[in-house]
Amino acid sequence: MDISLEKITPLLMDWLPFALVMALLFGVWLFTRKVFAVQKDHGADTRYREQGTRLLFRLAGGGLAIAPLPMDGELRGQLFSLVGLLMSAAIALSSTTVMGNLMAGFMLRTVNSFRAGDYIEFRKELGRVSQRGLLPVEIQNETSELVTVPNLLLVQEPYNVVRSSGTVVSADVSLGYDVDRRDIEQALLSAIEKAELADGFVQIRELGDFSVSYRASGWLEEAGLLVSARSRLRAMMLDALH
């Protein structure tokens, strides 16, 4: 029995640093999961930070797992070189897509032109920003479908942002010159009021060859009702003009 303990004890001592590092990494992983879960319960957008933390955790965990392994120093150095070579190859092969979207995500975070809950109009399609990830942005369109847009596209192409704090809702209509302008403005202002929009105003957008283009606008305090508010404003305009 004593001989067995004498053989096992050095082996356990050799693997003890590795076991401690693994236990530490597991504890940190559980702690970060708990922190992100609490933030999610309070309505915070943690997708970007959570994905970034996972990526850094895996990269750092790989290096910390190799360092305490009971092996020869030369073999450990070769193992580190192999891991570095594999990572370099992966980055080189995915540089045009993954790294491009990763850097674009950092740029969007730095500019911070929109947040989760805001509405953006991208490629003539309106949607609500659901999640901002490390590589893509998830947008919920008017039919409640989730559309994944790579960060790189949002950096390369223009988009319009509607803040969740409120926005102006507008609708255009073209009417002939035979209808009095003052009657049209009065009818459109009445439609804006019935659509439950505040601070309504009417603009004359264009004087065409055969018709005049008008725009009715009003302030919507709850941007989450943007899609239905646009439809309701057009319906009220139709009723008022009839």
C-alpha atoms as a PDB file:
ATOM      1  CA  MET A   1       0.000   0.000   0.000  1.00  0.00           C
ATOM      2  CA  ASP A   2       2.826   2.384   0.862  1.00  0.00           C
ATOM      3  CA  ILE A   3       4.533   1.588  -2.424  1.00  0.00           C
ATOM      4  CA  SER A   4       1.371   2.419  -4.366  1.00  0.00           C
ATOM      5  CA  LEU A   5       0.996   5.737  -2.570  1.00  0.00           C
ATOM      6  CA  GLU A   6       4.621   6.580  -3.273  1.00  0.00           C
ATOM      7  CA  LYS A   7       3.978   6.008  -7.000  1.00  0.00           C
ATOM      8  CA  ILE A   8       0.665   7.843  -7.114  1.00  0.00           C
ATOM      9  CA  THR A   9       1.664  10.902  -5.085  1.00  0.00           C
ATOM     10  CA  PRO A  10       4.239  12.303  -7.583  1.00  0.00           C
ATOM     11  CA  LEU A  11       1.763  11.726 -10.397  1.00  0.00           C
ATOM     12  CA  LEU A  12      -0.942  13.615  -8.554  1.00  0.00           C
ATOM     13  CA  MET A  13       1.446  16.461  -7.783  1.00  0.00           C
ATOM     14  CA  ASP A  14       2.363  16.709 -11.479  1.00  0.00           C
ATOM     15  CA  TRP A  15      -1.298  17.005 -12.513  1.00  0.00           C
ATOM     16  CA  LEU A  16      -2.333  19.242  -9.602  1.00  0.00           C
ATOM     17  CA  PRO A  17      -1.535  22.585 -11.407  1.00  0.00           C
ATOM     18  CA  PHE A  18      -3.554  21.475 -14.427  1.00  0.00           C
ATOM     19  CA  ALA A  19      -6.512  20.511 -12.220  1.00  0.00           C
ATOM     20  CA  LEU A  20      -6.369  23.848 -10.373  1.00  0.00           C
ATOM     21  CA  VAL A  21      -6.296  25.821 -13.638  1.00  0.00           C
ATOM     22  CA  MET A  22      -9.259  23.842 -14.995  1.00  0.00           C
ATOM     23  CA  ALA A  23     -11.191  24.419 -11.770  1.00  0.00           C
ATOM     24  CA  LEU A  24     -10.408  28.144 -11.930  1.00  0.00           C
ATOM     25  CA  LEU A  25     -11.538  28.378 -15.556  1.00  0.00           C
ATOM     26  CA  PHE A  26     -14.728  26.509 -14.744  1.00  0.00           C
ATOM     27  CA  GLY A  27     -15.461  28.861 -11.847  1.00  0.00           C
ATOM     28  CA  VAL A  28     -14.876  31.950 -14.001  1.00  0.00           C
ATOM     29  CA  TRP A  29     -17.121  30.500 -16.705  1.00  0.00           C
ATOM     30  CA  LEU A  30     -19.952  29.916 -14.206  1.00  0.00           C
ATOM     31  CA  PHE A  31     -19.520  33.424 -12.790  1.00  0.00           C
ATOM     32  CA  THR A  32     -19.690  35.102 -16.227  1.00  0.00           C
ATOM     33  CA  ARG A  33     -22.791  33.066 -17.129  1.00  0.00           C
ATOM     34  CA  LYS A  34     -24.463  34.235 -13.927  1.00  0.00           C
ATOM     35  CA  VAL A  35     -23.564  37.878 -14.612  1.00  0.00           C
ATOM     36  CA  PHE A  36     -24.939  37.777 -18.155  1.00  0.00           C
ATOM     37  CA  ALA A  37     -28.107  36.000 -16.959  1.00  0.00           C
ATOM     38  CA  VAL A  38     -28.767  38.780 -14.427  1.00  0.00           C
ATOM     39  CA  GLN A  39     -28.204  41.448 -17.087  1.00  0.00           C
ATOM     40  CA  LYS A  40     -30.615  39.684 -19.452  1.00  0.00           C
ATOM     41  CA  ASP A  41     -33.268  39.601 -16.724  1.00  0.00           C
ATOM     42  CA  HIS A  42     -32.974  43.398 -16.490  1.00  0.00           C
ATOM     43  CA  GLY A  43     -33.472  43.761 -20.253  1.00  0.00           C
ATOM     44  CA  ALA A  44     -29.854  44.508 -21.216  1.00  0.00           C
ATOM     45  CA  ASP A  45     -28.499  43.568 -24.647  1.00  0.00           C
ATOM     46  CA  THR A  46     -25.641  41.215 -23.757  1.00  0.00           C
ATOM     47  CA  ARG A  47     -25.233  39.287 -27.017  1.00  0.00           C
ATOM     48  CA  TYR A  48     -22.158  41.219 -28.184  1.00  0.00           C
ATOM     49  CA  ARG A  49     -20.382  41.115 -24.817  1.00  0.00           C
ATOM     50  CA  GLU A  50     -21.323  37.498 -24.224  1.00  0.00           C
ATOM     51  CA  GLN A  51     -19.979  36.325 -27.574  1.00  0.00           C
ATOM     52  CA  GLY A  52     -16.806  38.383 -27.169  1.00  0.00           C
ATOM     53  CA  THR A  53     -16.238  37.023 -23.660  1.00  0.00           C
ATOM     54  CA  ARG A  54     -16.713  33.460 -24.868  1.00  0.00           C
ATOM     55  CA  LEU A  55     -14.197  33.990 -27.665  1.00  0.00           C
ATOM     56  CA  LEU A  56     -11.588  35.468 -25.318  1.00  0.00           C
ATOM     57  CA  PHE A  57     -12.314  32.774 -22.723  1.00  0.00           C
ATOM     58  CA  ARG A  58     -11.688  29.992 -25.223  1.00  0.00           C
ATOM     59  CA  LEU A  59      -8.492  31.532 -26.550  1.00  0.00           C
ATOM     60  CA  ALA A  60      -7.113  32.217 -23.088  1.00  0.00           C
ATOM     61  CA  GLY A  61      -8.343  28.878 -21.774  1.00  0.00           C
ATOM     62  CA  GLY A  62      -6.479  26.989 -24.487  1.00  0.00           C
ATOM     63  CA  GLY A  63      -3.199  28.625 -23.544  1.00  0.00           C
ATOM     64  CA  LEU A  64      -3.754  28.247 -19.804  1.00  0.00           C
ATOM     65  CA  ALA A  65      -4.661  24.585 -20.249  1.00  0.00           C
ATOM     66  CA  ILE A  66      -1.432  23.789 -22.090  1.00  0.00           C
ATOM     67  CA  ALA A  67       0.911  25.661 -19.740  1.00  0.00           C
ATOM     68  CA  PRO A  68       0.491  23.476 -16.594  1.00  0.00           C
ATOM     69  CA  LEU A  69       0.525  20.125 -18.394  1.00  0.00           C
ATOM     70  CA  PRO A  70       3.196  17.753 -16.992  1.00  0.00           C
ATOM     71  CA  MET A  71       5.450  17.509 -20.033  1.00  0.00           C
ATOM     72  CA  ASP A  72       8.905  18.424 -21.205  1.00  0.00           C
ATOM     73  CA  GLY A  73       9.550  22.119 -21.863  1.00  0.00           C
ATOM     74  CA  GLU A  74      10.559  21.492 -25.478  1.00  0.00           C
ATOM     75  CA  LEU A  75       7.399  19.484 -26.135  1.00  0.00           C
ATOM     76  CA  ARG A  76       5.289  22.225 -24.533  1.00  0.00           C
ATOM     77  CA  GLY A  77       6.912  24.823 -26.798  1.00  0.00           C
ATOM     78  CA  GLN A  78       6.187  22.706 -29.873  1.00  0.00           C
ATOM     79  CA  LEU A  79       2.571  22.344 -28.762  1.00  0.00           C
ATOM     80  CA  PHE A  80       2.239  26.125 -28.368  1.00  0.00           C
ATOM     81  CA  SER A  81       3.767  26.567 -31.833  1.00  0.00           C
ATOM     82  CA  LEU A  82       1.267  24.122 -33.313  1.00  0.00           C
ATOM     83  CA  VAL A  83      -1.685  25.916 -31.705  1.00  0.00           C
ATOM     84  CA  GLY A  84      -0.375  29.280 -32.915  1.00  0.00           C
ATOM     85  CA  LEU A  85       0.060  27.906 -36.433  1.00  0.00           C
ATOM     86  CA  LEU A  86      -3.502  26.545 -36.487  1.00  0.00           C
ATOM     87  CA  MET A  87      -4.897  29.867 -35.251  1.00  0.00           C
ATOM     88  CA  SER A  88      -2.915  31.819 -37.845  1.00  0.00           C
ATOM     89  CA  ALA A  89      -4.178  29.545 -40.610  1.00  0.00           C
ATOM     90  CA  ALA A  90      -7.780  29.898 -39.403  1.00  0.00           C
ATOM     91  CA  ILE A  91      -7.503  33.699 -39.305  1.00  0.00           C
ATOM     92  CA  ALA A  92      -5.901  33.819 -42.756  1.00  0.00           C
ATOM     93  CA  LEU A  93      -8.578  31.613 -44.322  1.00  0.00           C
ATOM     94  CA  SER A  94     -11.472  33.539 -42.771  1.00  0.00           C
ATOM     95  CA  SER A  95     -10.005  37.043 -42.957  1.00  0.00           C
ATOM     96  CA  THR A  96     -12.328  38.246 -45.717  1.00  0.00           C
ATOM     97  CA  THR A  97     -15.521  37.277 -43.898  1.00  0.00           C
ATOM     98  CA  VAL A  98     -15.150  36.542 -40.203  1.00  0.00           C
ATOM     99  CA  MET A  99     -12.486  39.120 -39.423  1.00  0.00           C
ATOM    100  CA  GLY A 100     -14.209  41.683 -41.631  1.00  0.00           C
ATOM    101  CA  ASN A 101     -17.502  41.253 -39.759  1.00  0.00           C
ATOM    102  CA  LEU A 102     -15.655  41.232 -36.437  1.00  0.00           C
ATOM    103  CA  MET A 103     -13.933  44.554 -37.139  1.00  0.00           C
ATOM    104  CA  ALA A 104     -17.190  45.985 -38.524  1.00  0.00           C
ATOM    105  CA  GLY A 105     -18.900  44.982 -35.275  1.00  0.00           C
ATOM    106  CA  PHE A 106     -16.281  46.897 -33.274  1.00  0.00           C
ATOM    107  CA  MET A 107     -16.823  49.904 -35.545  1.00  0.00           C
ATOM    108  CA  LEU A 108     -20.620  49.811 -35.112  1.00  0.00           C
ATOM    109  CA  ARG A 109     -20.163  49.600 -31.350  1.00  0.00           C
ATOM    110  CA  THR A 110     -17.789  52.564 -31.406  1.00  0.00           C
ATOM    111  CA  VAL A 111     -20.097  54.720 -33.531  1.00  0.00           C
ATOM    112  CA  ASN A 112     -23.166  53.433 -31.600  1.00  0.00           C
ATOM    113  CA  SER A 113     -25.630  54.796 -34.153  1.00  0.00           C
ATOM    114  CA  PHE A 114     -28.342  52.325 -33.081  1.00  0.00           C
ATOM    115  CA  ARG A 115     -29.182  50.107 -30.124  1.00  0.00           C
ATOM    116  CA  ALA A 116     -31.363  47.095 -29.470  1.00  0.00           C
ATOM    117  CA  GLY A 117     -34.979  48.220 -29.671  1.00  0.00           C
ATOM    118  CA  ASP A 118     -34.351  50.870 -32.324  1.00  0.00           C
ATOM    119  CA  TYR A 119     -35.827  50.589 -35.809  1.00  0.00           C
ATOM    120  CA  ILE A 120     -33.563  50.682 -38.842  1.00  0.00           C
ATOM    121  CA  GLU A 121     -34.457  50.815 -42.517  1.00  0.00           C
ATOM    122  CA  PHE A 122     -31.936  48.804 -44.516  1.00  0.00           C
ATOM    123  CA  ARG A 123     -32.297  48.107 -48.235  1.00  0.00           C
ATOM    124  CA  LYS A 124     -35.800  49.630 -48.178  1.00  0.00           C
ATOM    125  CA  GLU A 125     -36.964  47.191 -45.477  1.00  0.00           C
ATOM    126  CA  LEU A 126     -37.946  48.414 -42.009  1.00  0.00           C
ATOM    127  CA  GLY A 127     -37.167  46.278 -38.977  1.00  0.00           C
ATOM    128  CA  ARG A 128     -36.571  46.402 -35.241  1.00  0.00           C
ATOM    129  CA  VAL A 129     -33.077  45.614 -33.943  1.00  0.00           C
ATOM    130  CA  SER A 130     -33.473  42.490 -31.833  1.00  0.00           C
ATOM    131  CA  GLN A 131     -29.855  41.565 -31.045  1.00  0.00           C
ATOM    132  CA  ARG A 132     -26.423  42.985 -31.821  1.00  0.00           C
ATOM    133  CA  GLY A 133     -24.037  40.069 -32.138  1.00  0.00           C
ATOM    134  CA  LEU A 134     -20.300  39.763 -32.563  1.00  0.00           C
ATOM    135  CA  LEU A 135     -20.624  39.080 -36.313  1.00  0.00           C
ATOM    136  CA  PRO A 136     -24.271  39.801 -37.376  1.00  0.00           C
ATOM    137  CA  VAL A 137     -27.179  42.000 -36.310  1.00  0.00           C
ATOM    138  CA  GLU A 138     -30.617  40.401 -35.930  1.00  0.00           C
ATOM    139  CA  ILE A 139     -33.523  42.501 -37.232  1.00  0.00           C
ATOM    140  CA  GLN A 140     -37.210  41.661 -36.780  1.00  0.00           C
ATOM    141  CA  ASN A 141     -39.095  42.785 -39.869  1.00  0.00           C
ATOM    142  CA  GLU A 142     -42.748  43.794 -40.245  1.00  0.00           C
ATOM    143  CA  THR A 143     -43.876  40.158 -40.468  1.00  0.00           C
ATOM    144  CA  SER A 144     -42.029  39.274 -37.199  1.00  0.00           C
ATOM    145  CA  GLU A 145     -39.385  37.291 -39.066  1.00  0.00           C
ATOM    146  CA  LEU A 146     -35.778  37.510 -37.874  1.00  0.00           C
ATOM    147  CA  VAL A 147     -33.397  38.736 -40.565  1.00  0.00           C
ATOM    148  CA  THR A 148     -29.663  38.305 -39.939  1.00  0.00           C
ATOM    149  CA  VAL A 149     -27.585  41.113 -41.443  1.00  0.00           C
ATOM    150  CA  PRO A 150     -23.757  40.830 -41.371  1.00  0.00           C
ATOM    151  CA  ASN A 151     -22.017  43.739 -39.663  1.00  0.00           C
ATOM    152  CA  LEU A 152     -19.902  44.306 -42.767  1.00  0.00           C
ATOM    153  CA  LEU A 153     -22.979  45.186 -44.855  1.00  0.00           C
ATOM    154  CA  LEU A 154     -24.150  47.767 -42.315  1.00  0.00           C
ATOM    155  CA  VAL A 155     -20.741  49.437 -42.512  1.00  0.00           C
ATOM    156  CA  GLN A 156     -20.620  49.438 -46.308  1.00  0.00           C
ATOM    157  CA  GLU A 157     -24.224  50.468 -47.075  1.00  0.00           C
ATOM    158  CA  PRO A 158     -26.394  53.335 -45.733  1.00  0.00           C
ATOM    159  CA  TYR A 159     -29.293  52.758 -43.366  1.00  0.00           C
ATOM    160  CA  ASN A 160     -31.857  54.918 -41.565  1.00  0.00           C
ATOM    161  CA  VAL A 161     -32.279  54.749 -37.789  1.00  0.00           C
ATOM    162  CA  VAL A 162     -35.524  55.331 -35.883  1.00  0.00           C
ATOM    163  CA  ARG A 163     -34.872  55.780 -32.168  1.00  0.00           C
ATOM    164  CA  SER A 164     -37.006  53.844 -29.692  1.00  0.00           C
ATOM    165  CA  SER A 165     -37.626  57.120 -27.816  1.00  0.00           C
ATOM    166  CA  GLY A 166     -39.971  58.344 -30.590  1.00  0.00           C
ATOM    167  CA  THR A 167     -40.117  59.361 -34.220  1.00  0.00           C
ATOM    168  CA  VAL A 168     -42.045  61.295 -36.846  1.00  0.00           C
ATOM    169  CA  VAL A 169     -44.585  59.250 -38.811  1.00  0.00           C
ATOM    170  CA  SER A 170     -45.327  60.507 -42.336  1.00  0.00           C
ATOM    171  CA  ALA A 171     -47.432  59.576 -45.348  1.00  0.00           C
ATOM    172  CA  ASP A 172     -47.605  61.123 -48.815  1.00  0.00           C
ATOM    173  CA  VAL A 173     -50.559  61.732 -51.090  1.00  0.00           C
ATOM    174  CA  SER A 174     -50.951  63.386 -54.512  1.00  0.00           C
ATOM    175  CA  LEU A 175     -54.071  65.430 -55.352  1.00  0.00           C
ATOM    176  CA  GLY A 176     -55.119  67.482 -58.337  1.00  0.00           C
ATOM    177  CA  TYR A 177     -54.922  71.258 -58.671  1.00  0.00           C
ATOM    178  CA  ASP A 178     -58.715  71.526 -58.718  1.00  0.00           C
ATOM    179  CA  VAL A 179     -58.901  70.819 -54.951  1.00  0.00           C
ATOM    180  CA  ASP A 180     -58.320  73.816 -52.668  1.00  0.00           C
ATOM    181  CA  ARG A 181     -55.053  73.630 -50.752  1.00  0.00           C
ATOM    182  CA  ARG A 182     -56.621  74.873 -47.510  1.00  0.00           C
ATOM    183  CA  ASP A 183     -59.292  72.181 -47.589  1.00  0.00           C
ATOM    184  CA  ILE A 184     -56.622  69.522 -48.094  1.00  0.00           C
ATOM    185  CA  GLU A 185     -54.489  70.805 -45.224  1.00  0.00           C
ATOM    186  CA  GLN A 186     -57.474  70.903 -42.891  1.00  0.00           C
ATOM    187  CA  ALA A 187     -58.459  67.345 -43.819  1.00  0.00           C
ATOM    188  CA  LEU A 188     -54.909  66.034 -43.358  1.00  0.00           C
ATOM    189  CA  LEU A 189     -54.507  67.726 -39.975  1.00  0.00           C
ATOM    190  CA  SER A 190     -57.771  66.119 -38.887  1.00  0.00           C
ATOM    191  CA  ALA A 191     -56.447  62.726 -40.061  1.00  0.00           C
ATOM    192  CA  ILE A 192     -53.236  63.205 -38.075  1.00  0.00           C
ATOM    193  CA  GLU A 193     -55.220  63.960 -34.925  1.00  0.00           C
ATOM    194  CA  LYS A 194     -57.479  60.913 -35.403  1.00  0.00           C
ATOM    195  CA  ALA A 195     -54.368  58.757 -35.906  1.00  0.00           C
ATOM    196  CA  GLU A 196     -53.345  59.765 -32.356  1.00  0.00           C
ATOM    197  CA  LEU A 197     -50.169  61.561 -33.443  1.00  0.00           C
ATOM    198  CA  ALA A 198     -48.926  64.710 -31.731  1.00  0.00           C
ATOM    199  CA  ASP A 199     -47.671  67.993 -33.224  1.00  0.00           C
ATOM    200  CA  GLY A 200     -49.130  67.335 -36.663  1.00  0.00           C
ATOM    201  CA  PHE A 201     -48.111  69.370 -39.716  1.00  0.00           C
ATOM    202  CA  VAL A 202     -48.627  69.256 -43.480  1.00  0.00           C
ATOM    203  CA  GLN A 203     -46.015  69.930 -46.159  1.00  0.00           C
ATOM    204  CA  ILE A 204     -46.322  70.579 -49.885  1.00  0.00           C
ATOM    205  CA  ARG A 205     -43.589  68.366 -51.272  1.00  0.00           C
ATOM    206  CA  GLU A 206     -43.818  68.871 -55.019  1.00  0.00           C
ATOM    207  CA  LEU A 207     -45.771  70.766 -57.656  1.00  0.00           C
ATOM    208  CA  GLY A 208     -46.144  68.296 -60.491  1.00  0.00           C
ATOM    209  CA  ASP A 209     -47.533  68.740 -63.974  1.00  0.00           C
ATOM    210  CA  PHE A 210     -50.935  67.333 -63.085  1.00  0.00           C
ATOM    211  CA  SER A 211     -50.976  66.995 -59.278  1.00  0.00           C
ATOM    212  CA  VAL A 212     -49.601  68.381 -56.019  1.00  0.00           C
ATOM    213  CA  SER A 213     -47.751  66.097 -53.592  1.00  0.00           C
ATOM    214  CA  TYR A 214     -48.602  66.580 -49.883  1.00  0.00           C
ATOM    215  CA  ARG A 215     -47.001  65.005 -46.828  1.00  0.00           C
ATOM    216  CA  ALA A 216     -48.853  64.594 -43.510  1.00  0.00           C
ATOM    217  CA  SER A 217     -46.629  64.093 -40.461  1.00  0.00           C
ATOM    218  CA  GLY A 218     -47.014  63.697 -36.699  1.00  0.00           C
ATOM    219  CA  TRP A 219     -44.959  62.705 -33.686  1.00  0.00           C
ATOM    220  CA  LEU A 220     -45.229  59.137 -32.371  1.00  0.00           C
ATOM    221  CA  GLU A 221     -43.943  58.769 -28.815  1.00  0.00           C
ATOM    222  CA  GLU A 222     -43.876  54.947 -28.789  1.00  0.00           C
ATOM    223  CA  ALA A 223     -41.637  53.787 -31.642  1.00  0.00           C
ATOM    224  CA  GLY A 224     -42.686  50.190 -31.063  1.00  0.00           C
ATOM    225  CA  LEU A 225     -46.012  51.068 -32.711  1.00  0.00           C
ATOM    226  CA  LEU A 226     -44.331  52.481 -35.814  1.00  0.00           C
ATOM    227  CA  VAL A 227     -45.630  49.924 -38.331  1.00  0.00           C
ATOM    228  CA  SER A 228     -49.255  50.104 -37.156  1.00  0.00           C
ATOM    229  CA  ALA A 229     -49.083  53.907 -36.779  1.00  0.00           C
ATOM    230  CA  ARG A 230     -48.099  54.328 -40.433  1.00  0.00           C
ATOM    231  CA  SER A 231     -50.992  52.173 -41.572  1.00  0.00           C
ATOM    232  CA  ARG A 232     -53.433  53.965 -39.241  1.00  0.00           C
ATOM    233  CA  LEU A 233     -52.316  57.375 -40.520  1.00  0.00           C
ATOM    234  CA  ARG A 234     -52.918  56.361 -44.144  1.00  0.00           C
ATOM    235  CA  ALA A 235     -56.350  55.001 -43.222  1.00  0.00           C
ATOM    236  CA  MET A 236     -57.332  58.232 -41.470  1.00  0.00           C
ATOM    237  CA  MET A 237     -56.052  60.277 -44.433  1.00  0.00           C
ATOM    238  CA  LEU A 238     -58.169  58.174 -46.789  1.00  0.00           C
ATOM    239  CA  ASP A 239     -61.281  58.709 -44.681  1.00  0.00           C
ATOM    240  CA  ALA A 240     -60.674  62.445 -44.264  1.00  0.00           C
ATOM    241  CA  LEU A 241     -60.025  63.064 -47.959  1.00  0.00           C
ATOM    242  CA  HIS A 242     -63.144  61.170 -48.960  1.00  0.00           C
END
